[in-house]
All heavy atoms as atom14 arrays in JSON, in Angstrom:
{
  "sequence": "GVHTQDWAYDRIDSEGKTFGSELKRIGWCGEEEVGARKMKAFFELH",
  "atom14_mask": [
    [1, 1, 1, 1, 0, 0, 0, 0, 0, 0, 0, 0, 0, 0],
    [1, 1, 1, 1, 1, 1, 1, 0, 0, 0, 0, 0, 0, 0],
    [1, 1, 1, 1, 1, 1, 1, 1, 1, 1, 0, 0, 0, 0],
    [1, 1, 1, 1, 1, 1, 1, 0, 0, 0, 0, 0, 0, 0],
    [1, 1, 1, 1, 1, 1, 1, 1, 1, 0, 0, 0, 0, 0],
    [1, 1, 1, 1, 1, 1, 1, 1, 0, 0, 0, 0, 0, 0],
    [1, 1, 1, 1, 1, 1, 1, 1, 1, 1, 1, 1, 1, 1],
    [1, 1, 1, 1, 1, 0, 0, 0, 0, 0, 0, 0, 0, 0],
    [1, 1, 1, 1, 1, 1, 1, 1, 1, 1, 1, 1, 0, 0],
    [1, 1, 1, 1, 1, 1, 1, 1, 0, 0, 0, 0, 0, 0],
    [1, 1, 1, 1, 1, 1, 1, 1, 1, 1, 1, 0, 0, 0],
    [1, 1, 1, 1, 1, 1, 1, 1, 0, 0, 0, 0, 0, 0],
    [1, 1, 1, 1, 1, 1, 1, 1, 0, 0, 0, 0, 0, 0],
    [1, 1, 1, 1, 1, 1, 0, 0, 0, 0, 0, 0, 0, 0],
    [1, 1, 1, 1, 1, 1, 1, 1, 1, 0, 0, 0, 0, 0],
    [1, 1, 1, 1, 0, 0, 0, 0, 0, 0, 0, 0, 0, 0],
    [1, 1, 1, 1, 1, 1, 1, 1, 1, 0, 0, 0, 0, 0],
    [1, 1, 1, 1, 1, 1, 1, 0, 0, 0, 0, 0, 0, 0],
    [1, 1, 1, 1, 1, 1, 1, 1, 1, 1, 1, 0, 0, 0],
    [1, 1, 1, 1, 0, 0, 0, 0, 0, 0, 0, 0, 0, 0],
    [1, 1, 1, 1, 1, 1, 0, 0, 0, 0, 0, 0, 0, 0],
    [1, 1, 1, 1, 1, 1, 1, 1, 1, 0, 0, 0, 0, 0],
    [1, 1, 1, 1, 1, 1, 1, 1, 0, 0, 0, 0, 0, 0],
    [1, 1, 1, 1, 1, 1, 1, 1, 1, 0, 0, 0, 0, 0],
    [1, 1, 1, 1, 1, 1, 1, 1, 1, 1, 1, 0, 0, 0],
    [1, 1, 1, 1, 1, 1, 1, 1, 0, 0, 0, 0, 0, 0],
    [1, 1, 1, 1, 0, 0, 0, 0, 0, 0, 0, 0, 0, 0],
    [1, 1, 1, 1, 1, 1, 1, 1, 1, 1, 1, 1, 1, 1],
    [1, 1, 1, 1, 1, 1, 0, 0, 0, 0, 0, 0, 0, 0],
    [1, 1, 1, 1, 0, 0, 0, 0, 0, 0, 0, 0, 0, 0],
    [1, 1, 1, 1, 1, 1, 1, 1, 1, 0, 0, 0, 0, 0],
    [1, 1, 1, 1, 1, 1, 1, 1, 1, 0, 0, 0, 0, 0],
    [1, 1, 1, 1, 1, 1, 1, 1, 1, 0, 0, 0, 0, 0],
    [1, 1, 1, 1, 1, 1, 1, 0, 0, 0, 0, 0, 0, 0],
    [1, 1, 1, 1, 0, 0, 0, 0, 0, 0, 0, 0, 0, 0],
    [1, 1, 1, 1, 1, 0, 0, 0, 0, 0, 0, 0, 0, 0],
    [1, 1, 1, 1, 1, 1, 1, 1, 1, 1, 1, 0, 0, 0],
    [1, 1, 1, 1, 1, 1, 1, 1, 1, 0, 0, 0, 0, 0],
    [1, 1, 1, 1, 1, 1, 1, 1, 0, 0, 0, 0, 0, 0],
    [1, 1, 1, 1, 1, 1, 1, 1, 1, 0, 0, 0, 0, 0],
    [1, 1, 1, 1, 1, 0, 0, 0, 0, 0, 0, 0, 0, 0],
    [1, 1, 1, 1, 1, 1, 1, 1, 1, 1, 1, 0, 0, 0],
    [1, 1, 1, 1, 1, 1, 1, 1, 1, 1, 1, 0, 0, 0],
    [1, 1, 1, 1, 1, 1, 1, 1, 1, 0, 0, 0, 0, 0],
    [1, 1, 1, 1, 1, 1, 1, 1, 0, 0, 0, 0, 0, 0],
    [1, 1, 1, 1, 1, 1, 1, 1, 1, 1, 0, 0, 0, 0]
  ],
  "atom14_positions": [
    [[66.66, 38.05, 80.41], [65.98, 36.77, 80.46], [66.22, 35.88, 79.25], [65.59, 34.84, 79.09], [0.0, 0.0, 0.0], [0.0, 0.0, 0.0], [0.0, 0.0, 0.0], [0.0, 0.0, 0.0], [0.0, 0.0, 0.0], [0.0, 0.0, 0.0], [0.0, 0.0, 0.0], [0.0, 0.0, 0.0], [0.0, 0.0, 0.0], [0.0, 0.0, 0.0]],
    [[67.2, 36.24, 78.42], [67.55, 35.43, 77.26], [68.33, 34.19, 77.65], [68.14, 33.09, 77.1], [68.34, 36.28, 76.24], [68.77, 35.44, 75.04], [67.57, 37.48, 75.78], [0.0, 0.0, 0.0], [0.0, 0.0, 0.0], [0.0, 0.0, 0.0], [0.0, 0.0, 0.0], [0.0, 0.0, 0.0], [0.0, 0.0, 0.0], [0.0, 0.0, 0.0]],
    [[69.22, 34.36, 78.64], [70.03, 33.21, 79.16], [69.7, 33.1, 80.67], [69.33, 34.04, 81.33], [71.53, 33.5, 79.04], [71.98, 33.97, 77.68], [71.74, 33.25, 76.53], [72.65, 35.06, 77.29], [72.25, 33.9, 75.52], [72.78, 35.0, 75.93], [0.0, 0.0, 0.0], [0.0, 0.0, 0.0], [0.0, 0.0, 0.0], [0.0, 0.0, 0.0]],
    [[69.9, 31.85, 81.19], [69.79, 31.66, 82.61], [71.12, 31.98, 83.26], [72.2, 31.86, 82.68], [69.39, 30.26, 82.99], [70.46, 29.36, 82.64], [68.11, 29.84, 82.24], [0.0, 0.0, 0.0], [0.0, 0.0, 0.0], [0.0, 0.0, 0.0], [0.0, 0.0, 0.0], [0.0, 0.0, 0.0], [0.0, 0.0, 0.0], [0.0, 0.0, 0.0]],
    [[71.06, 32.37, 84.51], [72.29, 32.69, 85.22], [73.17, 31.47, 85.4], [74.39, 31.53, 85.29], [71.95, 33.33, 86.6], [73.16, 33.77, 87.41], [72.78, 34.58, 88.62], [71.93, 35.47, 88.56], [73.34, 34.21, 89.76], [0.0, 0.0, 0.0], [0.0, 0.0, 0.0], [0.0, 0.0, 0.0], [0.0, 0.0, 0.0], [0.0, 0.0, 0.0]],
    [[72.56, 30.34, 85.71], [73.34, 29.12, 85.9], [74.1, 28.74, 84.66], [75.26, 28.31, 84.7], [72.46, 27.95, 86.35], [71.94, 28.12, 87.79], [72.53, 28.89, 88.54], [70.98, 27.42, 88.13], [0.0, 0.0, 0.0], [0.0, 0.0, 0.0], [0.0, 0.0, 0.0], [0.0, 0.0, 0.0], [0.0, 0.0, 0.0], [0.0, 0.0, 0.0]],
    [[73.41, 28.87, 83.56], [74.06, 28.55, 82.25], [75.24, 29.5, 81.99], [76.29, 29.08, 81.51], [73.04, 28.65, 81.11], [73.56, 28.32, 79.75], [73.71, 27.1, 79.16], [74.03, 29.28, 78.77], [74.22, 27.23, 77.9], [74.45, 28.54, 77.64], [74.14, 30.66, 78.74], [74.92, 29.15, 76.47], [74.7, 31.31, 77.6], [75.06, 30.53, 76.48]],
    [[75.03, 30.79, 82.32], [76.08, 31.76, 82.13], [77.28, 31.44, 83.03], [78.43, 31.52, 82.6], [75.57, 33.17, 82.37], [0.0, 0.0, 0.0], [0.0, 0.0, 0.0], [0.0, 0.0, 0.0], [0.0, 0.0, 0.0], [0.0, 0.0, 0.0], [0.0, 0.0, 0.0], [0.0, 0.0, 0.0], [0.0, 0.0, 0.0], [0.0, 0.0, 0.0]],
    [[76.99, 31.11, 84.26], [78.07, 30.77, 85.2], [78.9, 29.62, 84.72], [80.09, 29.48, 85.05], [77.49, 30.49, 86.59], [77.28, 31.66, 87.49], [77.25, 32.96, 87.0], [77.1, 31.47, 88.86], [77.02, 34.02, 87.86], [76.9, 32.53, 89.72], [76.87, 33.83, 89.21], [76.64, 34.89, 90.04], [0.0, 0.0, 0.0], [0.0, 0.0, 0.0]],
    [[78.32, 28.7, 83.99], [79.0, 27.51, 83.51], [79.83, 27.72, 82.25], [80.48, 26.75, 81.78], [78.02, 26.39, 83.31], [77.46, 25.82, 84.61], [78.08, 26.01, 85.67], [76.39, 25.16, 84.58], [0.0, 0.0, 0.0], [0.0, 0.0, 0.0], [0.0, 0.0, 0.0], [0.0, 0.0, 0.0], [0.0, 0.0, 0.0], [0.0, 0.0, 0.0]],
    [[79.82, 28.9, 81.66], [80.6, 29.11, 80.46], [82.06, 28.94, 80.81], [82.5, 29.41, 81.89], [80.36, 30.51, 79.87], [78.96, 30.85, 79.39], [78.39, 29.79, 78.39], [77.68, 28.74, 79.11], [77.47, 27.56, 78.65], [77.91, 27.23, 77.43], [76.83, 26.66, 79.34], [0.0, 0.0, 0.0], [0.0, 0.0, 0.0], [0.0, 0.0, 0.0]],
    [[82.84, 28.37, 79.92], [84.23, 28.04, 80.16], [85.16, 28.72, 79.17], [84.85, 28.79, 77.97], [84.44, 26.5, 80.08], [83.56, 25.75, 81.09], [85.9, 26.11, 80.27], [83.57, 24.26, 80.98], [0.0, 0.0, 0.0], [0.0, 0.0, 0.0], [0.0, 0.0, 0.0], [0.0, 0.0, 0.0], [0.0, 0.0, 0.0], [0.0, 0.0, 0.0]],
    [[86.27, 29.24, 79.67], [87.23, 29.87, 78.78], [88.23, 28.85, 78.27], [88.12, 27.66, 78.51], [87.93, 31.06, 79.47], [88.87, 30.65, 80.57], [89.1, 29.46, 80.78], [89.48, 31.56, 81.21], [0.0, 0.0, 0.0], [0.0, 0.0, 0.0], [0.0, 0.0, 0.0], [0.0, 0.0, 0.0], [0.0, 0.0, 0.0], [0.0, 0.0, 0.0]],
    [[89.23, 29.29, 77.49], [90.16, 28.37, 76.87], [91.05, 27.64, 77.9], [91.68, 26.61, 77.54], [91.06, 29.15, 75.89], [91.78, 30.14, 76.59], [0.0, 0.0, 0.0], [0.0, 0.0, 0.0], [0.0, 0.0, 0.0], [0.0, 0.0, 0.0], [0.0, 0.0, 0.0], [0.0, 0.0, 0.0], [0.0, 0.0, 0.0], [0.0, 0.0, 0.0]],
    [[91.12, 28.14, 79.11], [91.88, 27.48, 80.16], [91.06, 26.63, 81.08], [91.57, 26.12, 82.09], [92.68, 28.53, 80.94], [93.67, 29.34, 80.13], [94.41, 30.36, 80.93], [94.04, 30.59, 82.12], [95.36, 30.97, 80.41], [0.0, 0.0, 0.0], [0.0, 0.0, 0.0], [0.0, 0.0, 0.0], [0.0, 0.0, 0.0], [0.0, 0.0, 0.0]],
    [[89.74, 26.48, 80.75], [88.88, 25.69, 81.61], [88.34, 26.36, 82.84], [87.72, 25.73, 83.67], [0.0, 0.0, 0.0], [0.0, 0.0, 0.0], [0.0, 0.0, 0.0], [0.0, 0.0, 0.0], [0.0, 0.0, 0.0], [0.0, 0.0, 0.0], [0.0, 0.0, 0.0], [0.0, 0.0, 0.0], [0.0, 0.0, 0.0], [0.0, 0.0, 0.0]],
    [[88.48, 27.67, 82.89], [87.99, 28.43, 84.05], [86.57, 28.91, 83.75], [86.29, 29.46, 82.68], [88.86, 29.64, 84.33], [90.31, 29.29, 84.67], [91.19, 30.53, 84.84], [92.63, 30.16, 85.14], [93.48, 31.34, 85.21], [0.0, 0.0, 0.0], [0.0, 0.0, 0.0], [0.0, 0.0, 0.0], [0.0, 0.0, 0.0], [0.0, 0.0, 0.0]],
    [[85.64, 28.71, 84.69], [84.25, 29.08, 84.48], [84.01, 30.56, 84.72], [84.76, 31.21, 85.51], [83.28, 28.29, 85.38], [83.5, 28.68, 86.73], [83.5, 26.8, 85.18], [0.0, 0.0, 0.0], [0.0, 0.0, 0.0], [0.0, 0.0, 0.0], [0.0, 0.0, 0.0], [0.0, 0.0, 0.0], [0.0, 0.0, 0.0], [0.0, 0.0, 0.0]],
    [[83.01, 31.07, 84.07], [82.61, 32.48, 84.25], [82.3, 32.76, 85.72], [82.75, 33.74, 86.3], [81.41, 32.79, 83.39], [80.82, 34.19, 83.52], [81.24, 35.19, 82.64], [79.98, 34.53, 84.55], [80.77, 36.47, 82.76], [79.48, 35.84, 84.68], [79.86, 36.81, 83.77], [0.0, 0.0, 0.0], [0.0, 0.0, 0.0], [0.0, 0.0, 0.0]],
    [[81.52, 31.89, 86.32], [81.1, 32.09, 87.73], [82.29, 32.14, 88.68], [82.36, 32.99, 89.61], [0.0, 0.0, 0.0], [0.0, 0.0, 0.0], [0.0, 0.0, 0.0], [0.0, 0.0, 0.0], [0.0, 0.0, 0.0], [0.0, 0.0, 0.0], [0.0, 0.0, 0.0], [0.0, 0.0, 0.0], [0.0, 0.0, 0.0], [0.0, 0.0, 0.0]],
    [[83.24, 31.24, 88.51], [84.38, 31.22, 89.42], [85.26, 32.44, 89.23], [85.77, 32.98, 90.22], [85.16, 29.94, 89.19], [85.76, 29.87, 87.9], [0.0, 0.0, 0.0], [0.0, 0.0, 0.0], [0.0, 0.0, 0.0], [0.0, 0.0, 0.0], [0.0, 0.0, 0.0], [0.0, 0.0, 0.0], [0.0, 0.0, 0.0], [0.0, 0.0, 0.0]],
    [[85.45, 32.88, 88.0], [86.28, 34.02, 87.75], [85.61, 35.33, 88.21], [86.3, 36.23, 88.69], [86.65, 34.12, 86.26], [87.7, 33.12, 85.84], [89.06, 33.4, 86.46], [89.82, 34.21, 85.87], [89.35, 32.85, 87.53], [0.0, 0.0, 0.0], [0.0, 0.0, 0.0], [0.0, 0.0, 0.0], [0.0, 0.0, 0.0], [0.0, 0.0, 0.0]],
    [[84.31, 35.39, 88.1], [83.58, 36.56, 88.6], [83.79, 36.73, 90.08], [84.05, 37.8, 90.63], [82.1, 36.42, 88.26], [81.18, 37.54, 88.72], [81.56, 38.91, 88.1], [79.74, 37.23, 88.47], [0.0, 0.0, 0.0], [0.0, 0.0, 0.0], [0.0, 0.0, 0.0], [0.0, 0.0, 0.0], [0.0, 0.0, 0.0], [0.0, 0.0, 0.0]],
    [[83.73, 35.58, 90.78], [83.96, 35.62, 92.25], [85.41, 35.95, 92.53], [85.72, 36.67, 93.53], [83.52, 34.31, 92.88], [82.04, 34.03, 92.82], [81.69, 32.72, 93.46], [80.15, 32.52, 93.5], [79.59, 32.42, 92.15], [0.0, 0.0, 0.0], [0.0, 0.0, 0.0], [0.0, 0.0, 0.0], [0.0, 0.0, 0.0], [0.0, 0.0, 0.0]],
    [[86.31, 35.36, 91.78], [87.76, 35.53, 92.03], [88.17, 37.02, 91.97], [88.95, 37.44, 92.83], [88.59, 34.76, 91.0], [90.12, 34.83, 91.25], [90.89, 34.24, 90.06], [90.77, 35.0, 88.85], [91.44, 36.16, 88.59], [92.29, 36.6, 89.53], [91.24, 36.79, 87.46], [0.0, 0.0, 0.0], [0.0, 0.0, 0.0], [0.0, 0.0, 0.0]],
    [[87.68, 37.74, 91.01], [88.1, 39.13, 90.9], [87.33, 40.05, 91.87], [87.57, 41.27, 91.96], [88.03, 39.69, 89.5], [86.57, 39.78, 88.99], [88.87, 38.83, 88.55], [86.39, 40.62, 87.71], [0.0, 0.0, 0.0], [0.0, 0.0, 0.0], [0.0, 0.0, 0.0], [0.0, 0.0, 0.0], [0.0, 0.0, 0.0], [0.0, 0.0, 0.0]],
    [[86.34, 39.47, 92.57], [85.66, 40.24, 93.6], [84.56, 41.15, 93.15], [84.15, 42.08, 93.83], [0.0, 0.0, 0.0], [0.0, 0.0, 0.0], [0.0, 0.0, 0.0], [0.0, 0.0, 0.0], [0.0, 0.0, 0.0], [0.0, 0.0, 0.0], [0.0, 0.0, 0.0], [0.0, 0.0, 0.0], [0.0, 0.0, 0.0], [0.0, 0.0, 0.0]],
    [[83.91, 40.84, 91.94], [82.89, 41.72, 91.45], [81.58, 40.92, 91.24], [80.81, 41.23, 90.29], [83.37, 42.36, 90.17], [84.34, 43.43, 90.45], [85.71, 43.31, 90.44], [84.07, 44.79, 90.83], [86.3, 44.5, 90.8], [85.33, 45.44, 91.01], [82.91, 45.51, 90.99], [85.43, 46.75, 91.37], [82.99, 46.84, 91.39], [84.24, 47.46, 91.56]],
    [[81.28, 40.0, 92.11], [79.98, 39.3, 92.09], [79.13, 39.92, 93.19], [79.45, 39.8, 94.39], [80.2, 37.81, 92.33], [78.62, 36.88, 92.31], [0.0, 0.0, 0.0], [0.0, 0.0, 0.0], [0.0, 0.0, 0.0], [0.0, 0.0, 0.0], [0.0, 0.0, 0.0], [0.0, 0.0, 0.0], [0.0, 0.0, 0.0], [0.0, 0.0, 0.0]],
    [[78.06, 40.6, 92.8], [77.19, 41.23, 93.78], [76.1, 40.29, 94.29], [75.99, 39.14, 93.91], [0.0, 0.0, 0.0], [0.0, 0.0, 0.0], [0.0, 0.0, 0.0], [0.0, 0.0, 0.0], [0.0, 0.0, 0.0], [0.0, 0.0, 0.0], [0.0, 0.0, 0.0], [0.0, 0.0, 0.0], [0.0, 0.0, 0.0], [0.0, 0.0, 0.0]],
    [[75.27, 40.84, 95.15], [74.14, 40.06, 95.72], [72.84, 40.36, 95.04], [71.87, 39.59, 95.19], [74.03, 40.35, 97.24], [75.27, 39.92, 98.02], [75.1, 40.21, 99.5], [74.04, 40.8, 99.87], [76.04, 39.88, 100.26], [0.0, 0.0, 0.0], [0.0, 0.0, 0.0], [0.0, 0.0, 0.0], [0.0, 0.0, 0.0], [0.0, 0.0, 0.0]],
    [[72.79, 41.44, 94.28], [71.5, 41.87, 93.68], [71.05, 40.84, 92.6], [71.8, 40.35, 91.78], [71.7, 43.23, 93.05], [70.48, 43.8, 92.34], [70.79, 45.15, 91.76], [71.46, 46.01, 92.39], [70.33, 45.38, 90.58], [0.0, 0.0, 0.0], [0.0, 0.0, 0.0], [0.0, 0.0, 0.0], [0.0, 0.0, 0.0], [0.0, 0.0, 0.0]],
    [[69.74, 40.57, 92.62], [69.15, 39.68, 91.62], [69.28, 40.29, 90.22], [69.01, 41.47, 90.0], [67.65, 39.44, 91.89], [66.96, 38.54, 90.93], [65.49, 38.42, 91.2], [65.04, 38.86, 92.3], [64.78, 37.91, 90.34], [0.0, 0.0, 0.0], [0.0, 0.0, 0.0], [0.0, 0.0, 0.0], [0.0, 0.0, 0.0], [0.0, 0.0, 0.0]],
    [[69.71, 39.46, 89.27], [69.87, 39.94, 87.87], [68.52, 40.16, 87.21], [67.7, 39.24, 87.23], [70.76, 38.97, 87.07], [71.0, 39.56, 85.66], [72.08, 38.68, 87.76], [0.0, 0.0, 0.0], [0.0, 0.0, 0.0], [0.0, 0.0, 0.0], [0.0, 0.0, 0.0], [0.0, 0.0, 0.0], [0.0, 0.0, 0.0], [0.0, 0.0, 0.0]],
    [[68.33, 41.32, 86.6], [67.12, 41.63, 85.88], [65.97, 42.15, 86.76], [64.88, 42.4, 86.25], [0.0, 0.0, 0.0], [0.0, 0.0, 0.0], [0.0, 0.0, 0.0], [0.0, 0.0, 0.0], [0.0, 0.0, 0.0], [0.0, 0.0, 0.0], [0.0, 0.0, 0.0], [0.0, 0.0, 0.0], [0.0, 0.0, 0.0], [0.0, 0.0, 0.0]],
    [[66.22, 42.34, 88.06], [65.16, 42.86, 88.92], [64.9, 44.34, 88.71], [63.82, 44.82, 89.01], [65.55, 42.6, 90.37], [0.0, 0.0, 0.0], [0.0, 0.0, 0.0], [0.0, 0.0, 0.0], [0.0, 0.0, 0.0], [0.0, 0.0, 0.0], [0.0, 0.0, 0.0], [0.0, 0.0, 0.0], [0.0, 0.0, 0.0], [0.0, 0.0, 0.0]],
    [[65.9, 45.01, 88.17], [65.71, 46.46, 87.97], [64.75, 46.76, 86.83], [64.74, 46.09, 85.8], [67.09, 47.09, 87.63], [68.01, 47.12, 88.82], [69.44, 47.56, 88.41], [70.28, 47.71, 89.59], [70.55, 48.9, 90.15], [70.08, 50.03, 89.66], [71.33, 48.96, 91.22], [0.0, 0.0, 0.0], [0.0, 0.0, 0.0], [0.0, 0.0, 0.0]],
    [[63.92, 47.77, 87.0], [63.0, 48.26, 85.98], [63.49, 49.57, 85.41], [64.01, 50.44, 86.18], [61.58, 48.41, 86.52], [61.05, 47.11, 87.18], [61.07, 45.94, 86.2], [60.57, 44.64, 86.86], [60.72, 43.45, 85.95], [0.0, 0.0, 0.0], [0.0, 0.0, 0.0], [0.0, 0.0, 0.0], [0.0, 0.0, 0.0], [0.0, 0.0, 0.0]],
    [[63.34, 49.74, 84.1], [63.87, 50.93, 83.43], [62.76, 51.71, 82.72], [61.87, 51.14, 82.14], [64.89, 50.48, 82.34], [66.04, 49.65, 82.85], [67.16, 49.23, 81.48], [68.42, 48.29, 82.32], [0.0, 0.0, 0.0], [0.0, 0.0, 0.0], [0.0, 0.0, 0.0], [0.0, 0.0, 0.0], [0.0, 0.0, 0.0], [0.0, 0.0, 0.0]],
    [[62.89, 53.02, 82.79], [62.05, 53.87, 81.94], [62.55, 53.78, 80.49], [61.77, 53.74, 79.57], [62.09, 55.3, 82.44], [61.32, 56.31, 81.52], [61.34, 57.72, 82.1], [60.78, 58.71, 81.1], [59.35, 58.44, 80.77], [0.0, 0.0, 0.0], [0.0, 0.0, 0.0], [0.0, 0.0, 0.0], [0.0, 0.0, 0.0], [0.0, 0.0, 0.0]],
    [[63.86, 53.78, 80.34], [64.46, 53.71, 79.03], [65.95, 53.36, 79.19], [66.51, 53.51, 80.27], [64.28, 55.0, 78.26], [0.0, 0.0, 0.0], [0.0, 0.0, 0.0], [0.0, 0.0, 0.0], [0.0, 0.0, 0.0], [0.0, 0.0, 0.0], [0.0, 0.0, 0.0], [0.0, 0.0, 0.0], [0.0, 0.0, 0.0], [0.0, 0.0, 0.0]],
    [[66.54, 52.9, 78.1], [68.0, 52.68, 78.06], [68.59, 53.32, 76.8], [68.05, 53.13, 75.7], [68.28, 51.15, 78.1], [69.79, 50.84, 78.02], [70.58, 51.02, 79.12], [70.33, 50.36, 76.84], [71.94, 50.73, 79.07], [71.69, 50.06, 76.79], [72.48, 50.22, 77.89], [0.0, 0.0, 0.0], [0.0, 0.0, 0.0], [0.0, 0.0, 0.0]],
    [[69.73, 54.02, 76.95], [70.43, 54.6, 75.85], [71.89, 54.11, 75.85], [72.52, 54.08, 76.91], [70.41, 56.12, 75.94], [69.04, 56.73, 75.77], [68.2, 56.88, 76.83], [68.62, 57.17, 74.52], [66.91, 57.48, 76.69], [67.35, 57.73, 74.33], [66.48, 57.87, 75.41], [0.0, 0.0, 0.0], [0.0, 0.0, 0.0], [0.0, 0.0, 0.0]],
    [[72.37, 53.82, 74.64], [73.78, 53.36, 74.5], [74.45, 54.18, 73.41], [74.01, 54.19, 72.26], [73.85, 51.89, 74.26], [75.29, 51.36, 74.1], [75.42, 49.86, 73.98], [74.36, 49.16, 73.97], [76.55, 49.35, 73.96], [0.0, 0.0, 0.0], [0.0, 0.0, 0.0], [0.0, 0.0, 0.0], [0.0, 0.0, 0.0], [0.0, 0.0, 0.0]],
    [[75.56, 54.78, 73.75], [76.45, 55.46, 72.82], [77.58, 54.55, 72.42], [78.17, 53.87, 73.28], [77.03, 56.76, 73.42], [78.18, 57.45, 72.67], [77.72, 57.94, 71.32], [78.73, 58.58, 73.52], [0.0, 0.0, 0.0], [0.0, 0.0, 0.0], [0.0, 0.0, 0.0], [0.0, 0.0, 0.0], [0.0, 0.0, 0.0], [0.0, 0.0, 0.0]],
    [[77.9, 54.47, 71.11], [78.92, 53.48, 70.66], [79.56, 54.07, 69.43], [78.96, 54.82, 68.66], [78.29, 52.14, 70.32], [79.18, 50.98, 70.54], [80.14, 50.61, 69.63], [79.3, 50.11, 71.58], [80.78, 49.55, 70.1], [80.29, 49.23, 71.26], [0.0, 0.0, 0.0], [0.0, 0.0, 0.0], [0.0, 0.0, 0.0], [0.0, 0.0, 0.0]]
  ]
}
């Protein structure tokens, strides 16, 4: 909830291509609402 999805979709790369259009182009845009999932906990190894 730090950024809105519309704002994220409008981000532009150095060639003028938007995040939203490229996400759809490569075929990895799902239907699930972002942030709807609830978590008991999250762990990240790095």
